[in-house]
Amino acid sequence: MIVDDEWIVRQGIKMTIPWLDMHCQVVAEADNGLDALRIFHEVLPDIVLTDIRMPGMDGLSLMREIREQYPTVTAIFLTGFDDFSYAQEAIKIGAFELILKPSDPEDLRRVVGEATRQITIQRQQIDYRRSLENHQKTNQPFVLEKVLYRLMMDNASIKEVNLLYKALEGRLELFDDYRIAILDYSKVEGDSARTRSLSPDHSIIDSFLMQHALTEAIALEDHSYAILLNESGGSKWRFRMKELMEHKDVAVTLSLSHVHHGLLTLGQAYAEACLAHFYHAFPDHPPIIDYEVIHNEDRSSLEWNERELVEAMKWGDDQAVRQALQDLYKSVLWDLGGRKMKQKQIGIQLLFVVYHLLNLHFREFEGLPELKQVMDEVNGKRSCKAILEWLENMVTQVNSQYIKSKLPIKNEMEEVRDYINTHFTEEVKMYELASGLHMSESSFSKLFKKQFGISFVDYITELRINKAKELLLDPEIRIGEIARMVGYTETRYFSQLFKKVTGETQQTFRMKVQKLHYRAEK
């Protein structure tokens, strides 16, 4: 079903995709979410291709309503760049794909083709589960792998759990103490290494790890495997495993969950292992990453700040850019949760955040790449690490070209100083000046002192004290009025500050100056 409030868009989609070649058919169309919801219940399509912004009911609300009753329906969203925040929400509610408007016919064909293939696979899996029930007595390893996989994904039925119980002959104590490990071979070069299944004969790592496994390895996507490790005797295997994986010829990674107790927490354990797995995107990571270690990090390090990212884009070096993007990446990981994410979804999430800020703060900069170019690059990346590295390179290049194209920082700071020189008797707030340069207060303060050899506060104080001295030369001005005239509301505080800086009171200073003036005239 195609849902879009523009007739020409609906017609274009219908005409540009060879639906019959894809074993697919357009069964309905609608120009708003409310009509689409009504029509949906009549035709029950497998795929809904919908715009995000529409009158009456938008595409996000439409899919929320549909998924409450039909959670397996595939949602493909059409979105404009300005719909950045909506795109984030679409990812959270399980969008299969986001297509940028105006859409490329090739992208449409690719996405719809992938959706139909996955629906076919899902239907085959349903047939497998039916077959599984019929053959559970004769094929126990098959039962274990399939049901454990669905338990990890949090979508196993009661029948499947009962089936597992029978296959294990009631011995659930096997899972009293276990953890999930994700063993990833995606970095291994060569098809033979990538496509093999795990067995003790294939490698020393496989062999050693499987000695501590409760079941056969469970195949995942992207050349990785989930292994349930027996932890009833503790993690005595870890030291040897670390030695094996740190060997220079071994290009594999291992991601570990907490130790769990009982099959009911299998989904949570898998989510923890997935989150640890995504941390391998950071450079110089160890080959083994434990969820317990990253969970115990200072939570402040898992927060990202938009101003700090913009500051790094404008003024930072490569390291500052890299750190700001990594903080953003961590924030996305913890916000979306481990097992519900795909690497491409994370890449799209990062892309929209970063490009939105680049477009906002570098709007007139000629070195900013086109959005389509950025989308094409990210679509071509398979791993989170590759996406993150590409985004880092893009931002550092923009940063370098931006700095070269603008006036030196020195001149911009001199403009700030000129402003202070004119407005120092008013309330001059450092955070407002820093914000104008897209800096944090801390960075602004350091740069100001480096540029002028004096702190921001001391500079304003010096200007005000010097102005007070000028005013004290005029005997017609009362001393009690001077504090307000130079920018202080508290007369007593200014009197103390004046004495601290000059070493004498305002009255003493005035009398001394008057004597000097009298002698000069005489």
Protein backbone atom coordinates (compact mmCIF):
# COMPACT_ATOMS: atom_id res chain seq x y z
CA MET A 1 0.00 0.00 0.00
CA ILE A 2 1.31 3.45 -0.97
CA VAL A 3 0.39 6.40 1.25
CA ASP A 4 1.32 9.95 0.23
CA ASP A 5 -0.63 13.20 0.07
CA GLU A 6 0.88 14.03 -3.36
CA TRP A 7 -0.81 12.29 -6.29
CA ILE A 8 2.25 12.66 -8.51
CA VAL A 9 4.44 10.89 -5.94
CA ARG A 10 2.04 7.95 -5.70
CA GLN A 11 1.85 7.66 -9.47
CA GLY A 12 5.62 7.87 -9.78
CA ILE A 13 6.13 5.03 -7.31
CA LYS A 14 3.52 2.87 -9.04
CA MET A 15 5.08 3.45 -12.46
CA THR A 16 8.82 3.21 -11.66
CA ILE A 17 8.92 -0.13 -9.86
CA PRO A 18 8.52 -3.44 -11.77
CA TRP A 19 6.15 -4.86 -9.15
CA LEU A 20 5.34 -8.13 -10.94
CA ASP A 21 9.03 -8.91 -11.43
CA MET A 22 9.38 -8.63 -7.65
CA HIS A 23 6.39 -10.91 -7.06
CA CYS A 24 4.67 -7.95 -5.46
CA GLN A 25 1.46 -6.03 -6.13
CA VAL A 26 0.14 -2.57 -5.19
CA VAL A 27 -3.15 -3.45 -3.52
CA ALA A 28 -4.17 0.02 -2.33
CA GLU A 29 -3.20 3.67 -2.08
CA ALA A 30 -4.28 6.59 0.11
CA ASP A 31 -3.56 10.31 0.35
CA ASN A 32 -3.67 10.59 4.17
CA GLY A 33 -3.13 8.48 7.27
CA LEU A 34 -6.76 8.22 8.35
CA ASP A 35 -7.96 6.80 5.01
CA ALA A 36 -4.90 4.57 4.88
CA LEU A 37 -5.74 3.05 8.28
CA ARG A 38 -9.28 2.27 7.18
CA ILE A 39 -8.16 0.78 3.87
CA PHE A 40 -5.39 -1.21 5.54
CA HIS A 41 -7.86 -3.34 7.52
CA GLU A 42 -9.68 -4.17 4.29
CA VAL A 43 -6.69 -5.30 2.21
CA LEU A 44 -4.05 -6.23 4.88
CA PRO A 45 -0.90 -5.48 2.84
CA ASP A 46 2.50 -6.88 3.81
CA ILE A 47 4.34 -3.61 3.06
CA VAL A 48 3.28 -0.02 3.75
CA LEU A 49 5.27 2.63 1.85
CA THR A 50 4.28 5.93 3.48
CA ASP A 51 5.25 9.56 3.64
CA ILE A 52 6.00 10.89 7.14
CA ARG A 53 4.30 14.28 6.94
CA MET A 54 0.62 14.13 5.93
CA PRO A 55 -2.57 15.94 6.95
CA GLY A 56 -4.92 14.32 9.48
CA MET A 57 -2.62 11.51 10.58
CA ASP A 58 1.08 11.40 9.79
CA GLY A 59 2.98 8.31 8.71
CA LEU A 60 4.47 7.65 12.15
CA SER A 61 1.07 7.63 13.84
CA LEU A 62 -0.30 5.43 11.06
CA MET A 63 2.37 2.78 11.58
CA ARG A 64 2.00 2.87 15.37
CA GLU A 65 -1.71 2.11 14.95
CA ILE A 66 -1.05 -0.66 12.43
CA ARG A 67 1.74 -2.31 14.42
CA GLU A 68 -0.38 -2.62 17.54
CA GLN A 69 -2.37 -5.32 15.73
CA TYR A 70 0.03 -6.35 12.97
CA PRO A 71 3.61 -6.11 14.32
CA THR A 72 5.14 -7.91 11.33
CA VAL A 73 4.00 -5.38 8.70
CA THR A 74 7.02 -3.86 6.93
CA ALA A 75 7.17 -0.05 7.11
CA ILE A 76 9.12 1.98 4.52
CA PHE A 77 9.11 5.74 5.12
CA LEU A 78 9.57 8.57 2.65
CA THR A 79 11.24 11.54 4.35
CA GLY A 80 12.66 14.93 3.50
CA PHE A 81 15.84 16.26 5.09
CA ASP A 82 13.82 18.69 7.21
CA ASP A 83 12.07 15.66 8.76
CA PHE A 84 15.25 14.80 10.68
CA SER A 85 13.56 14.43 14.09
CA TYR A 86 10.75 12.37 12.53
CA ALA A 87 13.33 10.09 10.94
CA GLN A 88 14.79 9.38 14.36
CA GLU A 89 11.35 8.38 15.62
CA ALA A 90 10.78 6.20 12.55
CA ILE A 91 13.92 4.22 13.36
CA LYS A 92 12.74 3.72 16.93
CA ILE A 93 9.39 2.24 15.88
CA GLY A 94 11.07 -0.26 13.59
CA ALA A 95 11.28 1.30 10.13
CA PHE A 96 12.60 -1.15 7.56
CA GLU A 97 14.15 1.71 5.60
CA LEU A 98 14.01 5.49 5.13
CA ILE A 99 14.09 6.86 1.59
CA LEU A 100 15.00 10.49 1.02
CA LYS A 101 12.61 12.60 -1.08
CA PRO A 102 12.74 13.19 -3.97
CA SER A 103 13.37 9.46 -4.21
CA ASP A 104 15.70 7.75 -6.64
CA PRO A 105 13.89 4.96 -8.62
CA GLU A 106 16.90 2.71 -8.13
CA ASP A 107 16.71 3.18 -4.35
CA LEU A 108 12.99 2.38 -4.41
CA ARG A 109 13.55 -0.81 -6.37
CA ARG A 110 16.39 -1.87 -4.12
CA VAL A 111 14.48 -1.26 -0.87
CA VAL A 112 11.24 -2.88 -2.03
CA GLY A 113 13.20 -5.83 -3.38
CA GLU A 114 14.97 -6.28 -0.06
CA ALA A 115 11.66 -6.02 1.81
CA THR A 116 10.02 -8.72 -0.33
CA ARG A 117 13.05 -10.98 0.14
CA GLN A 118 12.88 -10.60 3.91
CA ILE A 119 9.14 -11.29 3.96
CA THR A 120 9.83 -14.47 2.00
CA ILE A 121 12.48 -15.44 4.55
CA GLN A 122 10.09 -14.73 7.42
CA ARG A 123 7.46 -16.99 5.87
CA GLN A 124 10.06 -19.69 5.41
CA GLN A 125 10.94 -19.35 9.09
CA ILE A 126 7.28 -19.83 10.00
CA ASP A 127 7.31 -23.04 7.97
CA TYR A 128 10.53 -24.04 9.75
CA ARG A 129 8.89 -23.54 13.15
CA ARG A 130 6.00 -25.77 12.11
CA SER A 131 8.48 -28.32 10.87
CA LEU A 132 10.39 -27.96 14.12
CA GLU A 133 7.37 -29.06 16.14
CA ASN A 134 6.94 -32.14 13.96
CA HIS A 135 10.56 -33.20 14.20
CA GLN A 136 11.54 -32.19 17.71
CA LYS A 137 12.22 -35.79 18.80
CA THR A 138 14.55 -36.61 15.92
CA ASN A 139 16.46 -33.34 15.59
CA GLN A 140 17.33 -31.98 19.03
CA PRO A 141 20.27 -29.68 17.97
CA PHE A 142 18.02 -28.03 15.38
CA VAL A 143 15.35 -27.48 18.05
CA LEU A 144 17.85 -25.97 20.48
CA GLU A 145 19.37 -23.55 17.97
CA LYS A 146 16.07 -22.31 16.54
CA VAL A 147 14.25 -21.89 19.84
CA LEU A 148 17.22 -20.34 21.63
CA TYR A 149 17.53 -17.88 18.77
CA ARG A 150 13.90 -16.85 19.13
CA LEU A 151 14.28 -16.57 22.91
CA MET A 152 17.22 -14.23 22.37
CA MET A 153 15.07 -12.12 20.07
CA ASP A 154 12.27 -12.04 22.68
CA ASN A 155 9.70 -13.48 20.27
CA ALA A 156 9.46 -17.19 21.20
CA SER A 157 5.98 -18.61 21.70
CA ILE A 158 4.82 -20.71 24.66
CA LYS A 159 4.75 -23.73 22.38
CA GLU A 160 8.38 -23.20 21.44
CA VAL A 161 9.43 -22.82 25.08
CA ASN A 162 7.63 -26.08 25.91
CA LEU A 163 9.34 -27.66 22.92
CA LEU A 164 12.72 -26.57 24.25
CA TYR A 165 11.87 -27.95 27.68
CA LYS A 166 11.12 -31.34 26.14
CA ALA A 167 14.27 -31.25 24.01
CA LEU A 168 16.34 -30.59 27.14
CA GLU A 169 14.43 -33.34 28.95
CA GLY A 170 13.56 -30.84 31.69
CA ARG A 171 17.22 -30.09 32.55
CA LEU A 172 16.85 -26.29 32.79
CA GLU A 173 19.54 -26.18 35.49
CA LEU A 174 21.99 -26.10 32.59
CA PHE A 175 21.15 -22.40 32.32
CA ASP A 176 21.53 -21.52 36.00
CA ASP A 177 24.74 -19.55 35.30
CA TYR A 178 25.57 -18.52 31.76
CA ARG A 179 26.52 -15.55 29.63
CA ILE A 180 26.06 -14.86 25.93
CA ALA A 181 29.14 -14.26 23.81
CA ILE A 182 29.04 -12.87 20.27
CA LEU A 183 31.98 -14.16 18.25
CA ASP A 184 32.46 -11.98 15.15
CA TYR A 185 34.47 -13.08 12.11
CA SER A 186 33.47 -10.14 9.87
CA LYS A 187 37.05 -8.82 9.82
CA VAL A 188 38.49 -12.13 8.60
CA GLU A 189 39.44 -11.91 4.95
CA GLY A 190 38.45 -14.65 2.54
CA ASP A 191 35.08 -16.21 1.78
CA SER A 192 36.01 -19.59 3.22
CA ALA A 193 36.65 -18.06 6.63
CA ARG A 194 33.46 -16.03 6.53
CA THR A 195 31.01 -18.67 5.43
CA ARG A 196 32.08 -21.58 7.61
CA SER A 197 30.08 -22.88 10.56
CA LEU A 198 31.66 -23.21 13.98
CA SER A 199 33.12 -26.58 14.97
CA PRO A 200 36.19 -27.73 16.93
CA ASP A 201 37.97 -28.54 13.66
CA HIS A 202 37.91 -25.05 12.19
CA SER A 203 40.20 -23.03 14.47
CA ILE A 204 41.85 -23.10 17.84
CA ILE A 205 39.59 -20.24 19.04
CA ASP A 206 36.42 -22.04 17.98
CA SER A 207 37.63 -25.23 19.55
CA PHE A 208 38.60 -23.64 22.86
CA LEU A 209 35.42 -21.55 23.19
CA MET A 210 33.10 -24.44 22.33
CA GLN A 211 34.62 -26.46 25.17
CA HIS A 212 32.84 -24.04 27.52
CA ALA A 213 29.58 -23.75 25.54
CA LEU A 214 26.20 -25.05 26.69
CA THR A 215 24.88 -25.58 23.15
CA GLU A 216 25.99 -25.40 19.55
CA ALA A 217 26.79 -21.92 18.24
CA ILE A 218 23.80 -19.93 16.95
CA ALA A 219 24.38 -18.28 13.57
CA LEU A 220 23.65 -14.55 13.38
CA GLU A 221 23.91 -12.08 10.50
CA ASP A 222 27.15 -10.41 9.36
CA HIS A 223 29.38 -13.48 9.89
CA SER A 224 28.90 -13.65 13.64
CA TYR A 225 27.71 -16.26 16.12
CA ALA A 226 26.07 -16.26 19.54
CA ILE A 227 27.44 -18.78 22.04
CA LEU A 228 25.97 -19.58 25.46
CA LEU A 229 28.96 -20.01 27.78
CA ASN A 230 28.76 -22.07 30.96
CA GLU A 231 29.74 -19.85 33.91
CA SER A 232 28.91 -22.24 36.76
CA GLY A 233 32.62 -22.65 37.43
CA GLY A 234 33.48 -18.98 36.89
CA SER A 235 35.29 -17.36 33.95
CA LYS A 236 38.43 -19.47 34.14
CA TRP A 237 38.52 -19.59 30.34
CA ARG A 238 38.93 -15.84 29.92
CA PHE A 239 42.70 -15.50 30.42
CA ARG A 240 43.48 -18.21 27.85
CA MET A 241 40.91 -16.78 25.44
CA LYS A 242 42.48 -13.33 25.71
CA GLU A 243 45.88 -14.79 24.87
CA LEU A 244 44.49 -16.51 21.80
CA MET A 245 42.61 -13.45 20.53
CA GLU A 246 45.49 -11.04 21.01
CA HIS A 247 47.60 -13.14 18.66
CA LYS A 248 48.63 -10.95 15.69
CA ASP A 249 47.11 -13.33 13.11
CA VAL A 250 43.66 -13.50 14.74
CA ALA A 251 41.13 -10.97 13.40
CA VAL A 252 38.07 -11.80 15.50
CA THR A 253 36.21 -10.02 18.29
CA LEU A 254 34.29 -11.31 21.31
CA SER A 255 31.48 -9.41 23.07
CA LEU A 256 30.14 -10.61 26.42
CA SER A 257 26.97 -10.10 28.44
CA HIS A 258 26.61 -10.15 32.23
CA VAL A 259 26.34 -13.56 33.87
CA HIS A 260 22.62 -14.49 33.86
CA HIS A 261 20.49 -17.05 35.63
CA GLY A 262 17.68 -18.88 33.87
CA LEU A 263 16.32 -18.81 30.32
CA LEU A 264 13.83 -16.02 31.05
CA THR A 265 16.67 -13.45 30.85
CA LEU A 266 18.08 -14.78 27.58
CA GLY A 267 16.72 -11.76 25.65
CA GLN A 268 18.32 -9.31 28.08
CA ALA A 269 21.63 -11.18 27.94
CA TYR A 270 21.63 -11.00 24.15
CA ALA A 271 20.86 -7.26 24.22
CA GLU A 272 23.84 -6.72 26.54
CA ALA A 273 26.15 -8.72 24.29
CA CYS A 274 24.93 -6.74 21.25
CA LEU A 275 25.65 -3.43 22.98
CA ALA A 276 29.16 -4.60 23.84
CA HIS A 277 29.53 -5.78 20.23
CA PHE A 278 28.79 -2.30 18.86
CA TYR A 279 31.57 -0.83 21.04
CA HIS A 280 34.07 -2.58 18.76
CA ALA A 281 33.47 0.33 16.36
CA PHE A 282 35.83 2.46 18.44
CA PRO A 283 39.51 2.50 17.42
CA ASP A 284 42.08 0.62 19.49
CA HIS A 285 39.40 -1.46 21.20
CA PRO A 286 40.47 -4.70 22.93
CA PRO A 287 39.44 -7.94 21.20
CA ILE A 288 37.21 -8.82 24.16
CA ILE A 289 34.62 -6.28 25.36
CA ASP A 290 32.52 -7.04 28.44
CA TYR A 291 29.14 -5.38 28.92
CA GLU A 292 29.88 -5.11 32.65
CA VAL A 293 32.87 -2.85 31.92
CA ILE A 294 31.00 -0.41 29.65
CA HIS A 295 27.96 -0.46 31.94
CA ASN A 296 30.12 0.68 34.85
CA GLU A 297 31.47 3.66 32.92
CA ASP A 298 30.77 7.13 34.31
CA ARG A 299 27.33 7.84 32.84
CA SER A 300 28.39 11.40 32.04
CA SER A 301 30.65 9.92 29.36
CA LEU A 302 27.54 8.46 27.70
CA GLU A 303 25.97 11.88 27.23
CA TRP A 304 26.66 14.08 24.27
CA ASN A 305 26.31 17.83 24.03
CA GLU A 306 25.27 19.51 20.77
CA ARG A 307 27.27 22.65 21.53
CA GLU A 308 30.42 20.63 22.16
CA LEU A 309 30.00 18.81 18.85
CA VAL A 310 29.53 22.11 16.96
CA GLU A 311 32.51 23.58 18.82
CA ALA A 312 34.64 20.62 17.77
CA MET A 313 33.44 21.01 14.16
CA LYS A 314 34.42 24.67 14.09
CA TRP A 315 37.43 25.03 16.35
CA GLY A 316 38.58 21.59 17.41
CA ASP A 317 41.38 19.40 16.13
CA ASP A 318 40.91 15.89 14.74
CA GLN A 319 40.95 14.37 18.21
CA ALA A 320 38.23 16.72 19.49
CA VAL A 321 36.02 15.88 16.49
CA ARG A 322 36.58 12.17 16.97
CA GLN A 323 35.74 12.32 20.68
CA ALA A 324 32.56 14.38 20.12
CA LEU A 325 31.31 11.94 17.46
CA GLN A 326 32.10 8.96 19.67
CA ASP A 327 30.08 10.51 22.50
CA LEU A 328 27.19 10.91 20.07
CA TYR A 329 27.59 7.30 18.91
CA LYS A 330 27.49 6.03 22.51
CA SER A 331 24.41 8.09 23.20
CA VAL A 332 22.64 6.57 20.18
CA LEU A 333 23.60 3.06 21.27
CA TRP A 334 22.25 3.43 24.78
CA ASP A 335 19.17 5.31 23.61
CA LEU A 336 18.04 2.73 21.06
CA GLY A 337 19.08 -0.42 22.94
CA GLY A 338 21.24 -3.31 21.75
CA ARG A 339 19.33 -6.09 20.05
CA LYS A 340 16.74 -3.89 18.30
CA MET A 341 19.35 -2.13 16.19
CA LYS A 342 20.95 -2.84 12.87
CA GLN A 343 24.25 -1.30 11.90
CA LYS A 344 22.65 0.58 9.02
CA GLN A 345 20.03 2.08 11.33
CA ILE A 346 22.74 3.41 13.60
CA GLY A 347 24.52 4.86 10.59
CA ILE A 348 21.35 6.65 9.44
CA GLN A 349 20.76 7.97 12.96
CA LEU A 350 24.29 9.37 13.18
CA LEU A 351 24.09 10.75 9.64
CA PHE A 352 20.94 12.77 10.27
CA VAL A 353 22.24 14.24 13.53
CA VAL A 354 25.66 15.18 12.12
CA TYR A 355 24.45 16.45 8.76
CA HIS A 356 21.66 18.45 10.40
CA LEU A 357 24.24 20.30 12.52
CA LEU A 358 26.59 20.78 9.57
CA ASN A 359 23.78 22.20 7.45
CA LEU A 360 22.68 24.46 10.32
CA HIS A 361 26.08 25.92 11.17
CA PHE A 362 27.91 25.67 7.82
CA ARG A 363 24.97 26.61 5.59
CA GLU A 364 26.98 29.02 3.39
CA PHE A 365 30.14 26.94 3.36
CA GLU A 366 31.05 25.67 -0.11
CA GLY A 367 32.98 22.67 1.23
CA LEU A 368 29.88 20.95 2.67
CA PRO A 369 29.11 17.75 0.70
CA GLU A 370 25.68 17.18 -0.83
CA LEU A 371 23.24 15.13 1.26
CA LYS A 372 22.78 12.54 -1.52
CA GLN A 373 26.54 12.00 -1.62
CA VAL A 374 26.57 11.49 2.14
CA MET A 375 23.60 9.08 1.99
CA ASP A 376 25.24 7.06 -0.80
CA GLU A 377 28.47 6.79 1.19
CA VAL A 378 26.73 5.63 4.36
CA ASN A 379 24.53 3.16 2.44
CA GLY A 380 27.69 1.61 1.06
CA LYS A 381 29.13 0.94 4.52
CA ARG A 382 28.39 -2.37 6.21
CA SER A 383 29.77 -1.97 9.72
CA CYS A 384 29.30 0.65 12.43
CA LYS A 385 33.05 1.13 12.53
CA ALA A 386 33.23 1.93 8.82
CA ILE A 387 30.32 4.40 9.12
CA LEU A 388 31.84 6.10 12.16
CA GLU A 389 35.27 6.39 10.51
CA TRP A 390 33.74 7.89 7.36
CA LEU A 391 31.72 10.45 9.35
CA GLU A 392 34.85 11.40 11.32
CA ASN A 393 36.81 11.94 8.11
CA MET A 394 34.00 13.99 6.56
CA VAL A 395 33.66 16.27 9.60
CA THR A 396 37.41 16.76 10.03
CA GLN A 397 37.71 17.73 6.35
CA VAL A 398 34.89 20.26 6.71
CA ASN A 399 36.52 21.53 9.90
CA SER A 400 39.90 21.98 8.19
CA GLN A 401 38.46 23.75 5.14
CA TYR A 402 36.21 25.93 7.27
CA ILE A 403 39.09 27.22 9.38
CA LYS A 404 41.10 28.01 6.24
CA SER A 405 38.18 29.87 4.65
CA LYS A 406 37.40 32.09 7.64
CA LEU A 407 39.29 34.90 9.31
CA PRO A 408 41.78 33.73 11.93
CA ILE A 409 40.39 33.05 15.38
CA LYS A 410 42.52 35.93 16.58
CA ASN A 411 40.41 38.42 14.62
CA GLU A 412 37.14 36.97 15.91
CA MET A 413 38.41 37.19 19.48
CA GLU A 414 39.46 40.78 18.85
CA GLU A 415 35.89 41.51 17.79
CA VAL A 416 34.77 40.04 21.12
CA ARG A 417 37.25 42.27 22.93
CA ASP A 418 35.99 45.32 21.04
CA TYR A 419 32.46 44.48 22.12
CA ILE A 420 33.57 44.16 25.75
CA ASN A 421 35.41 47.49 25.56
CA THR A 422 32.16 49.14 24.48
CA HIS A 423 29.76 47.36 26.83
CA PHE A 424 31.81 46.59 29.95
CA THR A 425 29.61 48.84 32.11
CA GLU A 426 26.67 46.58 31.26
CA GLU A 427 26.12 42.94 32.25
CA VAL A 428 28.48 41.05 29.94
CA LYS A 429 27.82 37.29 30.13
CA MET A 430 30.60 34.97 29.09
CA TYR A 431 28.28 32.12 28.09
CA GLU A 432 26.52 34.41 25.56
CA LEU A 433 29.83 35.41 23.96
CA ALA A 434 30.98 31.77 23.92
CA SER A 435 27.69 30.65 22.39
CA GLY A 436 28.09 33.23 19.63
CA LEU A 437 31.32 31.48 18.64
CA HIS A 438 29.81 28.01 19.19
CA MET A 439 32.17 27.33 22.07
CA SER A 440 31.78 26.05 25.58
CA GLU A 441 32.51 28.55 28.37
CA SER A 442 35.58 26.54 29.34
CA SER A 443 37.08 26.67 25.84
CA PHE A 444 36.20 30.34 25.43
CA SER A 445 37.85 31.20 28.74
CA LYS A 446 41.05 29.34 27.84
CA LEU A 447 41.22 30.92 24.37
CA PHE A 448 40.59 34.43 25.75
CA LYS A 449 43.42 34.16 28.27
CA LYS A 450 45.75 32.66 25.67
CA GLN A 451 44.94 35.48 23.25
CA PHE A 452 45.16 38.45 25.61
CA GLY A 453 47.25 37.19 28.53
CA ILE A 454 44.49 37.91 31.06
CA SER A 455 41.34 36.09 32.14
CA PHE A 456 37.91 37.20 30.95
CA VAL A 457 36.80 38.25 34.45
CA ASP A 458 40.05 40.08 35.23
CA TYR A 459 39.87 41.93 31.91
CA ILE A 460 36.39 43.31 32.64
CA THR A 461 37.41 44.13 36.21
CA GLU A 462 40.42 46.06 34.93
CA LEU A 463 38.25 48.07 32.52
CA ARG A 464 35.78 48.94 35.26
CA ILE A 465 38.45 49.94 37.79
CA ASN A 466 40.12 52.20 35.23
CA LYS A 467 36.75 53.77 34.40
CA ALA A 468 36.10 54.31 38.11
CA LYS A 469 39.41 56.12 38.42
CA GLU A 470 38.37 58.48 35.62
CA LEU A 471 35.06 59.19 37.34
CA LEU A 472 36.80 59.84 40.65
CA LEU A 473 38.61 62.74 38.99
CA ASP A 474 35.28 64.58 38.79
CA PRO A 475 34.46 65.99 42.26
CA GLU A 476 30.85 66.52 41.21
CA ILE A 477 30.24 62.75 41.07
CA ARG A 478 29.43 61.14 44.38
CA ILE A 479 31.52 58.10 45.29
CA GLY A 480 28.38 56.11 46.08
CA GLU A 481 27.20 56.48 42.47
CA ILE A 482 30.39 55.24 40.81
CA ALA A 483 29.81 51.53 41.42
CA ARG A 484 26.55 51.62 39.45
CA MET A 485 28.10 53.71 36.70
CA VAL A 486 30.81 51.13 36.00
CA GLY A 487 28.52 48.10 36.10
CA TYR A 488 28.18 46.99 39.76
CA THR A 489 24.90 46.88 41.67
CA GLU A 490 26.52 46.41 45.10
CA THR A 491 28.32 49.57 46.27
CA ARG A 492 29.97 47.83 49.19
CA TYR A 493 31.28 44.99 47.01
CA PHE A 494 32.78 47.45 44.54
CA SER A 495 34.44 49.42 47.34
CA GLN A 496 36.12 46.24 48.55
CA LEU A 497 37.10 45.26 45.01
CA PHE A 498 38.55 48.73 44.30
CA LYS A 499 40.71 48.58 47.42
CA LYS A 500 41.83 45.04 46.66
CA VAL A 501 42.96 46.00 43.14
CA THR A 502 44.41 49.47 43.77
CA GLY A 503 45.53 49.09 47.39
CA GLU A 504 43.51 52.14 48.54
CA THR A 505 39.93 53.26 49.02
CA GLN A 506 38.06 55.39 46.50
CA GLN A 507 38.09 58.33 48.95
CA THR A 508 41.86 58.07 49.43
CA PHE A 509 42.38 57.78 45.69
CA ARG A 510 40.25 60.90 45.04
CA MET A 511 42.06 62.95 47.69
CA LYS A 512 45.45 61.91 46.33
CA VAL A 513 44.48 62.81 42.79
CA GLN A 514 43.06 66.16 43.88
CA LYS A 515 46.34 67.03 45.69
CA LEU A 516 48.35 66.12 42.61
CA HIS A 517 46.05 68.23 40.47
CA TYR A 518 46.35 71.19 42.88
CA ARG A 519 50.15 71.01 42.86
CA ALA A 520 50.20 70.84 39.08
CA GLU A 521 48.07 73.96 38.79
CA LYS A 522 50.18 75.83 41.38
